[in-house]
Protein backbone atom coordinates (compact mmCIF):
# COMPACT_ATOMS: atom_id res chain seq x y z
CA MET A 1 -21.51 -11.61 25.72
CA MET A 2 -19.01 -8.61 24.72
CA VAL A 3 -17.51 -7.41 27.43
CA PRO A 4 -17.79 -3.65 25.73
CA VAL A 5 -14.66 -1.98 24.93
CA ARG A 6 -13.43 1.64 24.43
CA SER A 7 -12.16 3.28 21.34
CA ARG A 8 -10.14 6.72 22.64
CA THR A 9 -8.95 8.77 19.15
CA LEU A 10 -7.94 6.76 15.92
CA ALA A 11 -3.74 6.51 16.44
CA TRP A 12 -2.15 4.90 13.36
CA THR A 13 0.88 3.11 13.51
CA VAL A 14 3.88 3.88 11.25
CA ALA A 15 8.33 2.92 11.11
CA GLY A 16 9.73 5.73 11.37
CA MET A 17 10.78 7.67 8.82
CA THR A 18 13.45 5.98 6.93
CA ALA A 19 14.57 4.89 3.92
CA LEU A 20 13.07 1.20 3.72
CA ALA A 21 10.06 2.61 5.06
CA ALA A 22 10.00 5.58 2.05
CA ALA A 23 10.19 2.59 -0.69
CA SER A 24 6.39 1.85 -0.32
CA ALA A 25 6.42 5.26 -1.61
CA LEU A 26 8.55 4.20 -4.52
CA VAL A 27 5.86 3.79 -8.07
CA ILE A 28 7.43 3.85 -10.31
CA ALA A 29 4.05 4.73 -13.05
CA PHE A 30 1.98 3.36 -10.55
CA GLY A 31 4.17 0.00 -8.53
CA GLY A 32 5.18 -1.36 -5.91
CA GLY A 33 5.28 -0.57 -2.66
CA GLY A 34 4.66 -3.07 0.32
CA ASP A 35 4.01 -3.72 3.71
CA GLU A 36 5.43 -0.36 5.35
CA THR A 37 7.50 -1.94 8.30
CA ARG A 38 7.41 -5.22 7.49
CA ASP A 39 7.08 -7.36 3.87
CA ARG A 40 9.96 -5.47 1.43
CA ALA A 41 12.92 -6.62 0.39
CA VAL A 42 14.82 -5.15 -2.30
CA ARG A 43 14.54 -5.97 -6.00
CA ASP A 44 17.05 -7.92 -7.97
CA ASP A 45 16.46 -7.66 -11.61
CA PRO A 46 17.24 -3.07 -12.77
CA VAL A 47 15.06 -2.48 -16.12
CA ALA A 48 17.74 0.42 -17.95
CA ALA A 49 14.76 1.88 -19.83
CA GLY A 50 12.65 2.27 -16.88
CA THR A 51 9.15 1.99 -18.77
CA SER A 52 6.94 -0.48 -17.22
CA GLY A 53 6.09 -2.42 -21.31
CA THR A 54 9.96 -4.22 -20.72
CA VAL A 55 8.83 -5.90 -16.78
CA ALA A 56 6.65 -8.92 -17.03
CA SER A 57 9.50 -9.97 -19.64
CA SER A 58 12.57 -8.61 -19.31
CA PRO A 59 14.84 -11.18 -17.25
CA ASP A 60 16.18 -11.05 -14.05
CA PRO A 61 19.57 -9.92 -14.05
CA ALA A 62 21.98 -9.87 -11.31
CA PRO A 63 20.72 -7.56 -7.80
CA ARG A 64 20.69 -5.01 -8.10
CA PRO A 65 23.62 -2.55 -6.72
CA ALA A 66 23.02 0.43 -4.05
CA THR A 67 23.96 2.69 -6.50
CA ALA A 68 22.08 1.43 -9.67
CA PRO A 69 19.34 3.48 -11.51
CA PRO A 70 15.47 2.61 -9.48
CA PRO A 71 13.88 -0.19 -10.93
CA PRO A 72 11.61 0.73 -13.51
CA ALA A 73 8.34 2.05 -13.93
CA THR A 74 5.90 -0.28 -13.86
CA THR A 75 2.30 0.55 -15.52
CA ALA A 76 1.99 0.36 -19.48
CA PRO A 77 1.88 3.71 -20.83
CA PRO A 78 -1.60 5.73 -22.91
CA PRO A 79 -1.06 3.80 -26.46
CA THR A 80 -0.67 8.40 -27.32
CA THR A 81 2.69 8.84 -25.34
CA ALA A 82 6.29 9.58 -26.15
CA THR A 83 9.42 8.54 -24.94
CA THR A 84 11.96 9.47 -22.00
CA SER A 85 12.82 13.09 -21.77
CA GLU A 86 14.75 15.28 -19.60
CA ALA A 87 14.79 16.35 -16.41
CA PRO A 88 13.46 19.40 -15.86
CA ALA A 89 15.50 22.56 -15.26
CA THR A 90 14.19 23.08 -11.93
CA PRO A 91 15.12 21.70 -9.12
CA PRO A 92 12.64 20.19 -6.83
CA THR A 93 10.12 22.06 -4.88
CA GLU A 94 9.71 22.80 -1.32
CA TYR A 95 8.52 19.50 -0.63
CA THR A 96 6.23 19.72 3.60
CA PRO A 97 6.36 15.21 4.33
CA ALA A 98 2.87 14.47 6.73
CA PRO A 99 3.73 11.06 8.29
CA LYS A 100 0.97 8.08 8.56
CA PRO A 101 0.50 8.80 13.08
CA THR A 102 2.89 7.89 15.69
CA ALA A 103 2.89 5.08 17.99
CA GLY A 104 0.12 5.88 20.27
CA PRO A 105 -1.22 3.60 23.88
CA ASP A 106 -2.87 0.39 23.27
CA THR A 107 -3.26 1.28 19.08
CA VAL A 108 -2.74 -2.46 17.13
CA ALA A 109 -3.05 -3.43 13.25
CA PRO A 110 -0.64 -0.40 12.33
CA ALA A 111 -2.04 1.25 8.22
CA GLY A 112 -0.09 -1.09 6.03
CA ALA A 113 0.01 -4.91 8.74
CA ILE A 114 -1.68 -7.42 6.97
CA THR A 115 -3.20 -10.43 8.48
CA LYS A 116 -0.61 -12.24 9.05
CA HIS A 117 1.12 -10.07 10.64
CA LEU A 118 -1.59 -9.30 13.33
CA ALA A 119 -1.57 -12.15 15.85
CA GLU A 120 1.39 -10.66 17.30
CA ASP A 121 0.00 -6.41 16.53
CA ILE A 122 -3.03 -8.01 18.54
CA ALA A 123 -1.04 -9.42 21.50
CA THR A 124 1.98 -7.48 22.10
CA ALA A 125 -0.59 -4.09 22.69
CA PHE A 126 -2.64 -6.73 25.15
CA GLY A 127 -0.57 -9.06 26.77
CA PHE A 128 -2.57 -11.81 25.69
CA ASP A 129 -0.72 -14.95 24.34
CA THR A 130 0.12 -14.65 20.70
CA ALA A 131 -1.95 -18.27 20.24
CA GLU A 132 -5.10 -16.78 21.22
CA ALA A 133 -4.69 -13.64 19.43
CA GLU A 134 -4.35 -16.18 16.67
CA ALA A 135 -7.81 -18.47 16.91
CA ALA A 136 -9.62 -15.19 18.29
CA ILE A 137 -9.04 -13.91 14.20
CA ALA A 138 -9.98 -17.18 12.92
CA GLU A 139 -13.26 -17.44 14.81
CA ALA A 140 -14.10 -13.25 14.44
CA GLU A 141 -17.68 -13.01 13.26
CA LEU A 142 -17.36 -11.31 9.75
CA PRO A 143 -19.94 -9.58 7.82
CA PRO A 144 -20.62 -11.34 5.43
CA GLU A 145 -18.58 -9.20 2.24
CA ALA A 146 -15.54 -10.56 4.00
CA GLY A 147 -16.46 -13.78 2.53
CA GLY A 148 -14.71 -15.58 5.57
CA ASN A 149 -11.72 -13.26 4.94
CA PRO A 150 -10.08 -11.25 7.57
CA GLU A 151 -7.76 -9.00 4.89
CA GLY A 152 -8.61 -5.40 6.05
CA TRP A 153 -12.02 -6.23 8.05
CA LEU A 154 -9.99 -5.72 11.58
CA ALA A 155 -9.16 -1.70 11.51
CA PRO A 156 -6.89 0.06 12.86
CA GLY A 157 -6.11 2.05 15.86
CA SER A 158 -6.52 3.24 18.80
CA TYR A 159 -8.63 0.16 21.97
CA GLN A 160 -9.46 0.62 25.46
CA PRO A 161 -10.85 -2.60 26.31
CA VAL A 162 -12.04 -2.94 29.48
CA ASP A 163 -11.15 -4.88 32.58
CA GLY A 164 -10.06 -8.73 32.06
CA ALA A 165 -11.49 -8.60 28.26
CA SER A 166 -10.33 -11.95 26.77
CA ALA A 167 -8.40 -11.60 22.48
CA GLY A 168 -12.00 -12.41 20.94
CA GLU A 169 -13.55 -9.68 22.54
CA VAL A 170 -10.49 -7.11 21.07
CA VAL A 171 -11.04 -8.20 17.87
CA GLN A 172 -14.79 -8.39 17.73
CA ALA A 173 -14.02 -4.85 18.37
CA MET A 174 -11.82 -4.11 15.42
CA VAL A 175 -14.38 -6.56 12.34
CA ASP A 176 -17.46 -3.85 14.62
CA ARG A 177 -15.05 -1.05 13.99
CA ARG A 178 -14.47 -1.52 10.74
CA VAL A 179 -17.97 -2.48 9.73
CA ALA A 180 -19.67 1.02 11.57
CA GLN A 181 -16.41 2.76 9.23
CA LEU A 182 -18.44 1.77 6.41
CA GLU A 183 -21.92 2.48 6.80
CA GLN A 184 -21.04 5.91 8.70
CA ARG A 185 -19.25 6.62 5.50
CA ASN A 186 -22.41 5.19 2.94
CA VAL A 187 -21.51 3.36 1.18
CA PRO A 188 -23.41 -0.20 -0.08
CA ARG A 189 -23.66 -3.18 0.96
CA ASP A 190 -22.59 -4.76 -2.12
CA GLN A 191 -20.02 -1.93 -2.60
CA TRP A 192 -17.56 -3.01 1.07
CA ARG A 193 -15.34 -5.29 -0.33
CA ARG A 194 -14.61 -3.39 -3.09
CA VAL A 195 -13.72 0.11 -1.56
CA LEU A 196 -12.22 -1.63 1.66
CA THR A 197 -9.76 -3.91 -1.44
CA ALA A 198 -9.40 -0.40 -3.18
CA ALA A 199 -8.19 1.80 0.10
CA SER A 200 -5.82 -1.41 0.33
CA VAL A 201 -3.96 -1.26 -1.68
CA ILE A 202 -3.72 3.02 -1.53
CA GLU A 203 -3.13 2.72 1.72
CA LYS A 204 -0.35 -0.53 0.25
CA GLU A 205 1.31 2.64 -2.17
CA THR A 206 1.35 5.13 0.53
CA TYR A 207 3.21 6.30 3.31
CA ASN A 208 2.75 9.07 3.45
CA GLN A 209 -1.22 11.05 4.48
CA ASN A 210 -0.93 13.97 1.89
CA GLU A 211 -1.00 11.63 -0.98
CA LYS A 212 -3.94 9.48 -0.62
CA PRO A 213 -5.80 11.25 -2.29
CA LYS A 214 -3.99 11.84 -5.58
CA VAL A 215 -2.33 8.41 -5.66
CA ALA A 216 -5.99 7.29 -5.24
CA ARG A 217 -7.39 9.79 -8.21
CA VAL A 218 -3.97 7.67 -9.66
CA LEU A 219 -6.47 4.36 -9.23
CA THR A 220 -9.90 5.62 -10.41
CA ASN A 221 -8.42 7.00 -13.59
CA ARG A 222 -6.70 2.99 -14.11
CA LEU A 223 -9.75 1.33 -12.88
CA ALA A 224 -12.35 3.49 -15.04
CA GLY A 225 -9.11 2.56 -18.32
CA GLY A 226 -9.53 -1.45 -18.15
CA GLY A 227 -6.19 -2.83 -17.84
CA PRO A 228 -3.89 -4.34 -14.76
CA LEU A 229 -2.54 -2.03 -12.60
CA GLN A 230 0.64 -3.50 -13.02
CA MET A 231 1.61 -3.16 -9.21
CA ASP A 232 4.21 -5.13 -6.97
CA SER A 233 2.11 -4.13 -3.59
CA ILE A 234 -0.68 -6.52 -4.59
CA ILE A 235 2.04 -9.81 -6.61
CA LEU A 236 3.71 -9.33 -3.48
CA TYR A 237 0.91 -10.15 -0.87
CA PRO A 238 0.43 -13.85 -1.43
CA VAL A 239 4.86 -13.81 -0.97
CA PRO A 240 5.20 -15.61 2.64
CA GLU A 241 9.35 -13.27 3.21
CA ASP A 242 9.69 -9.58 3.15
CA ARG A 243 10.42 -7.42 -0.12
CA ILE A 244 10.02 -4.51 -1.95
CA PHE A 245 9.54 -5.08 -5.55
CA THR A 246 9.02 -8.96 -7.78
CA THR A 247 11.03 -10.98 -9.78
CA GLY A 248 10.22 -11.29 -13.66
CA GLU A 249 9.38 -15.03 -12.69
CA GLU A 250 6.42 -13.78 -10.11
CA ARG A 251 5.27 -11.01 -12.83
CA ALA A 252 4.25 -13.68 -15.23
CA SER A 253 3.35 -16.11 -13.56
CA ASP A 254 -1.08 -16.83 -12.76
CA GLN A 255 -1.55 -16.58 -8.95
CA PRO A 256 -4.03 -14.38 -8.62
CA TYR A 257 -2.48 -11.26 -7.31
CA ASN A 258 -0.54 -10.58 -10.02
CA SER A 259 -1.39 -7.21 -10.99
CA TYR A 260 0.37 -7.13 -14.89
CA ARG A 261 -1.55 -10.48 -15.72
CA HIS A 262 -5.25 -9.92 -14.17
CA ASP A 263 -7.27 -6.77 -14.75
CA GLY A 264 -8.66 -4.16 -11.76
CA LEU A 265 -8.45 -5.01 -8.92
CA PRO A 266 -6.76 -8.10 -6.18
CA PRO A 267 -9.63 -10.80 -5.69
CA THR A 268 -9.01 -9.59 -1.54
CA PRO A 269 -7.41 -6.39 0.45
CA ILE A 270 -3.99 -6.59 0.97
CA CYS A 271 -3.72 -5.02 4.45
CA THR A 272 -5.69 -2.80 6.43
CA PRO A 273 -6.49 0.44 5.61
CA ASP A 274 -6.76 3.04 8.24
CA GLU A 275 -9.56 5.49 7.59
CA ALA A 276 -7.29 8.63 4.95
CA SER A 277 -7.58 5.94 3.09
CA LEU A 278 -11.41 4.21 2.66
CA ASP A 279 -12.43 8.32 3.06
CA ALA A 280 -9.40 8.89 -0.01
CA PHE A 281 -10.82 6.40 -2.31
CA LEU A 282 -14.41 7.33 -1.47
CA ASP A 283 -13.82 11.70 -2.18
CA PRO A 284 -10.28 11.34 -4.21
CA PRO A 285 -9.96 15.19 -6.20
CA PRO A 286 -9.48 15.87 -9.91
CA GLY A 287 -6.98 14.86 -11.98
CA ASP A 288 -6.09 13.02 -15.10
CA TRP A 289 -2.77 12.02 -14.05
CA TRP A 290 -1.97 8.30 -15.16
CA PHE A 291 1.59 7.74 -13.87
CA TYR A 292 3.33 8.82 -10.19
CA VAL A 293 6.95 7.68 -8.83
CA THR A 294 8.08 9.44 -5.57
CA ILE A 295 11.12 10.99 -6.47
CA ASP A 296 12.73 11.92 -2.43
CA LEU A 297 13.08 8.68 -0.47
CA ASP A 298 14.01 10.76 2.74
CA SER A 299 10.69 12.57 2.46
CA GLY A 300 7.81 10.73 0.24
CA GLU A 301 7.47 13.49 -2.16
CA THR A 302 5.86 11.97 -5.04
CA ARG A 303 5.41 13.35 -8.83
CA TYR A 304 2.55 12.94 -11.11
CA ALA A 305 2.26 13.58 -14.44
CA VAL A 306 -0.42 13.08 -17.24
CA THR A 307 1.92 11.74 -20.53
CA TYR A 308 4.28 8.70 -20.13
CA GLU A 309 6.98 11.55 -21.33
CA GLU A 310 6.62 13.84 -18.01
CA HIS A 311 6.35 10.84 -16.41
CA GLN A 312 9.73 9.19 -17.69
CA ALA A 313 11.10 13.05 -16.27
CA ASN A 314 10.43 12.02 -12.91
CA VAL A 315 11.67 8.66 -12.97
CA VAL A 316 15.06 11.07 -13.67
CA LEU A 317 14.66 13.16 -10.61
CA LEU A 318 14.60 9.98 -8.25
CA ARG A 319 17.62 8.00 -10.48
CA ALA A 320 19.38 11.18 -9.51
CA TRP A 321 18.22 11.70 -5.99
CA LEU A 322 19.67 7.84 -5.80
CA GLU A 323 22.75 8.86 -7.05
CA ASP A 324 23.22 11.15 -4.64
CA HIS A 325 21.42 8.33 -1.71
CA PRO A 326 22.57 5.47 -2.27
CA THR A 327 19.69 3.20 -0.36
CA PRO A 328 20.44 -1.34 -0.36
């Protein structure tokens, strides 16, 4: 019989607001990203034009120096869009970031974490052996909708197990919380996997809570429009090493998480999303944005655009920021 687990107020763990963490939101025309804390490294190929059309087909040149232009746009522009424009004359407005909640007691499964890291997180939080936590994840009772894959199904948050609770009981409580979150939102069971997968993409593409709704709207618009999402965060999911961006070879590959070759959402969740990401996808704000780009890697300020011309003007702002803030 399972030992009950007492839940506290949810709190999510993320890395501090550093340039590396902010790089998860470096989404130039809806692409790029990675685990806020771990699944990233510097991309190896700048593309001068900064347009998505050249990303998948361009060769990989020399490694990008610290002061090089930002990575290219990673979403094809709508057919009616125009060419690159100059940066707006007015400077960016004041921006107040809203980072994801910081670590709290007994907090496991930081939002954006992937399953291969969760055993260590659980073991550290509750004093289990990592091998014991790994076995618990492998043996967890998942809903049929998970298809046997625990990715995304271990809900992040704070847990306070009763004395003597096993790793298996803690892990099962995480799965049960995820199921409860979906049920509380009245998500039809046949949509559980889709909603969780979409929320995981939103989680990977942001690190500021206040950007999630608009990112969700862009994702919703792109899913409605059909075609590949062209997001580095999806491509990098099966990559074993830590990365920020992809290589040309990866973008040309046939692997199932290649969001440059395959349409729509990836086949499974790509991380564990928090409730804010679930809510953002289930109820995105109105808007016809097609692109977004983070223009300040310290604060995470993100600009959204309807046309490719508008987006390119926003990309110029990011390039200018990188000139003043060399980023390794």
